[in-house]
C-alpha atoms as a PDB file:
ATOM      1  CA  MET A   1     -27.687  16.728  -4.513  1.00  0.00           C
ATOM      2  CA  ALA A   2     -27.138  13.203  -3.217  1.00  0.00           C
ATOM      3  CA  LEU A   3     -24.950  10.660  -5.005  1.00  0.00           C
ATOM      4  CA  LYS A   4     -26.953   7.658  -6.203  1.00  0.00           C
ATOM      5  CA  VAL A   5     -25.087   4.327  -6.034  1.00  0.00           C
ATOM      6  CA  GLU A   6     -26.529   1.010  -7.127  1.00  0.00           C
ATOM      7  CA  LEU A   7     -24.866  -2.078  -5.701  1.00  0.00           C
ATOM      8  CA  ARG A   8     -25.025  -5.601  -7.060  1.00  0.00           C
ATOM      9  CA  PRO A   9     -25.527  -8.472  -4.633  1.00  0.00           C
ATOM     10  CA  GLY A  10     -22.382  -8.886  -2.517  1.00  0.00           C
ATOM     11  CA  GLU A  11     -20.732  -5.731  -3.917  1.00  0.00           C
ATOM     12  CA  LYS A  12     -18.699  -3.599  -1.514  1.00  0.00           C
ATOM     13  CA  LEU A  13     -18.489   0.164  -1.227  1.00  0.00           C
ATOM     14  CA  LEU A  14     -16.030   2.298   0.719  1.00  0.00           C
ATOM     15  CA  VAL A  15     -17.622   5.351   2.350  1.00  0.00           C
ATOM     16  CA  GLY A  16     -15.153   7.323   4.427  1.00  0.00           C
ATOM     17  CA  ASN A  17     -13.227   4.670   6.301  1.00  0.00           C
ATOM     18  CA  CYS A  18     -16.162   2.235   6.434  1.00  0.00           C
ATOM     19  CA  ILE A  19     -16.771  -0.657   4.076  1.00  0.00           C
ATOM     20  CA  ILE A  20     -20.391  -1.365   3.248  1.00  0.00           C
ATOM     21  CA  THR A  21     -21.199  -4.827   1.874  1.00  0.00           C
ATOM     22  CA  ASN A  22     -24.463  -5.305   0.038  1.00  0.00           C
ATOM     23  CA  ALA A  23     -26.633  -8.301   0.919  1.00  0.00           C
ATOM     24  CA  ASP A  24     -28.088 -10.743  -1.585  1.00  0.00           C
ATOM     25  CA  GLN A  25     -30.134  -8.360  -3.740  1.00  0.00           C
ATOM     26  CA  ARG A  26     -29.552  -5.242  -5.797  1.00  0.00           C
ATOM     27  CA  THR A  27     -29.648  -2.092  -3.641  1.00  0.00           C
ATOM     28  CA  ARG A  28     -29.845   1.618  -4.401  1.00  0.00           C
ATOM     29  CA  LEU A  29     -28.257   4.052  -1.945  1.00  0.00           C
ATOM     30  CA  PHE A  30     -28.411   7.828  -1.881  1.00  0.00           C
ATOM     31  CA  ILE A  31     -25.376   9.329  -0.170  1.00  0.00           C
ATOM     32  CA  ASP A  32     -25.307  12.949   0.894  1.00  0.00           C
ATOM     33  CA  GLY A  33     -22.300  14.687   2.443  1.00  0.00           C
ATOM     34  CA  GLN A  34     -18.550  14.931   2.110  1.00  0.00           C
ATOM     35  CA  ALA A  35     -16.779  11.590   2.391  1.00  0.00           C
ATOM     36  CA  PRO A  36     -14.564   9.645   0.007  1.00  0.00           C
ATOM     37  CA  ILE A  37     -16.589   7.005  -1.828  1.00  0.00           C
ATOM     38  CA  LEU A  38     -15.134   4.178  -3.907  1.00  0.00           C
ATOM     39  CA  ARG A  39     -16.612   1.030  -5.365  1.00  0.00           C
ATOM     40  CA  GLU A  40     -14.813  -2.220  -4.653  1.00  0.00           C
ATOM     41  CA  LYS A  41     -13.741  -2.526  -8.314  1.00  0.00           C
ATOM     42  CA  ASP A  42     -11.958   0.856  -8.091  1.00  0.00           C
ATOM     43  CA  ILE A  43      -9.966   0.076  -4.944  1.00  0.00           C
ATOM     44  CA  LEU A  44      -6.345  -1.005  -5.227  1.00  0.00           C
ATOM     45  CA  THR A  45      -4.213  -2.469  -2.464  1.00  0.00           C
ATOM     46  CA  ALA A  46      -0.431  -2.577  -2.152  1.00  0.00           C
ATOM     47  CA  ASP A  47      -0.601  -6.185  -3.382  1.00  0.00           C
ATOM     48  CA  THR A  48      -2.666  -5.383  -6.478  1.00  0.00           C
ATOM     49  CA  ALA A  49      -0.658  -2.275  -7.414  1.00  0.00           C
ATOM     50  CA  ASP A  50       1.745  -4.324  -9.529  1.00  0.00           C
ATOM     51  CA  THR A  51       2.613  -1.853 -12.315  1.00  0.00           C
ATOM     52  CA  PRO A  52       4.017   1.689 -12.234  1.00  0.00           C
ATOM     53  CA  ALA A  53       0.695   3.307 -13.223  1.00  0.00           C
ATOM     54  CA  LYS A  54      -1.172   1.242 -10.622  1.00  0.00           C
ATOM     55  CA  ARG A  55       1.287   2.434  -7.955  1.00  0.00           C
ATOM     56  CA  ILE A  56       0.590   6.033  -8.999  1.00  0.00           C
ATOM     57  CA  TYR A  57      -3.149   5.308  -8.811  1.00  0.00           C
ATOM     58  CA  LEU A  58      -2.682   3.806  -5.331  1.00  0.00           C
ATOM     59  CA  ALA A  59      -0.834   6.917  -4.135  1.00  0.00           C
ATOM     60  CA  VAL A  60      -3.642   9.162  -5.431  1.00  0.00           C
ATOM     61  CA  GLN A  61      -6.246   6.793  -3.963  1.00  0.00           C
ATOM     62  CA  LEU A  62      -4.620   7.139  -0.539  1.00  0.00           C
ATOM     63  CA  MET A  63      -4.585  10.933  -0.906  1.00  0.00           C
ATOM     64  CA  TYR A  64      -8.309  10.806  -1.720  1.00  0.00           C
ATOM     65  CA  ILE A  65      -9.340   8.360   0.999  1.00  0.00           C
ATOM     66  CA  ASN A  66      -7.313  10.095   3.714  1.00  0.00           C
ATOM     67  CA  ASP A  67      -7.954  13.604   2.335  1.00  0.00           C
ATOM     68  CA  ASP A  68      -4.249  14.211   2.867  1.00  0.00           C
ATOM     69  CA  VAL A  69      -1.967  15.076  -0.047  1.00  0.00           C
ATOM     70  CA  ASP A  70       1.069  15.775   2.145  1.00  0.00           C
ATOM     71  CA  GLU A  71       1.303  12.193   3.420  1.00  0.00           C
ATOM     72  CA  MET A  72       1.827  10.767  -0.098  1.00  0.00           C
ATOM     73  CA  ARG A  73       3.381  13.766  -1.873  1.00  0.00           C
ATOM     74  CA  ASP A  74       7.023  12.597  -1.951  1.00  0.00           C
ATOM     75  CA  GLU A  75       6.172   9.033  -2.938  1.00  0.00           C
ATOM     76  CA  TYR A  76       3.706  10.217  -5.580  1.00  0.00           C
ATOM     77  CA  PHE A  77       6.207  12.579  -7.237  1.00  0.00           C
ATOM     78  CA  ALA A  78       8.958   9.946  -7.187  1.00  0.00           C
ATOM     79  CA  LEU A  79       6.609   7.486  -8.938  1.00  0.00           C
ATOM     80  CA  VAL A  80       5.428  10.093 -11.449  1.00  0.00           C
ATOM     81  CA  ASN A  81       8.946  11.259 -12.301  1.00  0.00           C
ATOM     82  CA  GLU A  82      10.053   7.669 -12.896  1.00  0.00           C
ATOM     83  CA  PHE A  83       6.993   6.971 -15.053  1.00  0.00           C
ATOM     84  CA  VAL A  84       7.335  10.106 -17.194  1.00  0.00           C
ATOM     85  CA  THR A  85      11.042   9.395 -17.701  1.00  0.00           C
ATOM     86  CA  ALA A  86      10.172   5.923 -19.007  1.00  0.00           C
ATOM     87  CA  VAL A  87       7.028   7.009 -20.896  1.00  0.00           C
ATOM     88  CA  PRO A  88       7.346  10.672 -21.956  1.00  0.00           C
ATOM     89  CA  SER A  89       4.137  10.396 -23.990  1.00  0.00           C
ATOM     90  CA  SER A  90       2.209  10.129 -20.712  1.00  0.00           C
ATOM     91  CA  MET A  91       3.034  13.717 -19.735  1.00  0.00           C
ATOM     92  CA  GLN A  92      -0.378  15.132 -20.706  1.00  0.00           C
ATOM     93  CA  ILE A  93      -2.223  12.677 -18.437  1.00  0.00           C
ATOM     94  CA  VAL A  94       0.261  13.215 -15.602  1.00  0.00           C
ATOM     95  CA  ASP A  95      -0.147  16.992 -15.941  1.00  0.00           C
ATOM     96  CA  GLN A  96      -3.903  16.561 -15.578  1.00  0.00           C
ATOM     97  CA  ILE A  97      -3.448  14.419 -12.442  1.00  0.00           C
ATOM     98  CA  ASN A  98      -1.072  17.010 -10.990  1.00  0.00           C
ATOM     99  CA  ASN A  99      -3.473  19.889 -11.730  1.00  0.00           C
ATOM    100  CA  GLU A 100      -6.380  18.068 -10.086  1.00  0.00           C
ATOM    101  CA  ILE A 101      -4.256  17.376  -6.996  1.00  0.00           C
ATOM    102  CA  LEU A 102      -3.060  20.993  -6.820  1.00  0.00           C
ATOM    103  CA  THR A 103      -6.646  22.272  -6.982  1.00  0.00           C
ATOM    104  CA  GLY A 104      -7.834  19.820  -4.325  1.00  0.00           C
ATOM    105  CA  GLN A 105      -9.949  17.795  -6.752  1.00  0.00           C
ATOM    106  CA  LEU A 106      -8.723  14.412  -5.519  1.00  0.00           C
ATOM    107  CA  TYR A 107     -11.584  12.353  -6.966  1.00  0.00           C
ATOM    108  CA  LYS A 108     -10.907  13.876 -10.404  1.00  0.00           C
ATOM    109  CA  ALA A 109      -7.195  13.151  -9.885  1.00  0.00           C
ATOM    110  CA  LEU A 110      -8.121   9.535  -9.171  1.00  0.00           C
ATOM    111  CA  LYS A 111     -10.166   9.363 -12.385  1.00  0.00           C
ATOM    112  CA  ALA A 112      -7.232  10.823 -14.347  1.00  0.00           C
ATOM    113  CA  SER A 113      -4.990   8.226 -12.691  1.00  0.00           C
ATOM    114  CA  GLN A 114      -7.356   5.572 -14.019  1.00  0.00           C
ATOM    115  CA  ARG A 115      -6.767   6.958 -17.528  1.00  0.00           C
ATOM    116  CA  LEU A 116      -3.017   6.614 -16.884  1.00  0.00           C
ATOM    117  CA  ARG A 117      -3.571   2.947 -15.956  1.00  0.00           C
ATOM    118  CA  GLU A 118      -5.527   2.430 -19.189  1.00  0.00           C
ATOM    119  CA  TYR A 119      -2.778   4.128 -21.209  1.00  0.00           C
ATOM    120  CA  GLU A 120      -0.172   1.897 -19.590  1.00  0.00           C
ATOM    121  CA  GLN A 121      -2.267  -1.179 -20.498  1.00  0.00           C
ATOM    122  CA  GLU A 122      -2.446  -0.008 -24.128  1.00  0.00           C
ATOM    123  CA  LEU A 123       1.327   0.382 -24.237  1.00  0.00           C
ATOM    124  CA  LEU A 124       1.891  -3.021 -22.646  1.00  0.00           C
ATOM    125  CA  ALA A 125      -0.534  -4.623 -25.124  1.00  0.00           C
ATOM    126  CA  HIS A 126       1.449  -3.153 -28.020  1.00  0.00           C
ATOM    127  CA  VAL A 127       4.706  -4.436 -26.559  1.00  0.00           C
ATOM    128  CA  SER A 128       3.355  -7.941 -25.954  1.00  0.00           C
ATOM    129  CA  THR A 129       2.021  -8.192 -29.514  1.00  0.00           C
ATOM    130  CA  GLY A 130       5.188  -6.699 -30.969  1.00  0.00           C
ATOM    131  CA  ARG A 131       3.275  -3.789 -32.514  1.00  0.00           C
ATOM    132  CA  SER A 132       5.124  -0.593 -31.831  1.00  0.00           C
ATOM    133  CA  GLY A 133       3.528   1.391 -34.629  1.00  0.00           C
ATOM    134  CA  ILE A 134       7.030   2.052 -35.961  1.00  0.00           C
ATOM    135  CA  PRO A 135       7.950   0.205 -39.171  1.00  0.00           C
ATOM    136  CA  ARG A 136      11.069  -1.902 -39.019  1.00  0.00           C
ATOM    137  CA  ASP A 137      13.803  -1.536 -41.616  1.00  0.00           C
ATOM    138  CA  GLY A 138      12.439  -2.532 -45.006  1.00  0.00           C
ATOM    139  CA  GLU A 139       8.785  -2.600 -43.840  1.00  0.00           C
ATOM    140  CA  ASN A 140       6.048  -0.403 -45.229  1.00  0.00           C
ATOM    141  CA  ARG A 141       3.182   0.935 -43.202  1.00  0.00           C
END
């Protein structure tokens, strides 16, 4: 069954190692075959990977695009080990990413990596607002 992708005017899509740019009107594409496919909004670059979870996502993205886990394996595990050490509560998401990679489901690993990015954002939002969820001395919940 073909993948149906609808593109907004000017939106870009990565198919394999080709970038497709939509013209000035909404377009519907049906893509059949085996090639990595990512929307522009889901693509990170080295410059935009500015947090630990985004760097993990970028490593998984490169595995997916290149269909090559070995190339990024050492960097990926170094990033993951550092992240889990700093944020032990992320272990369940990281385990899911690892399992998807080990079973060759790189697109699913990328989606799980997106959940890790969202989790990181939640944690950073709590830190920036000063809400840790833990009452301070003398405070009631």
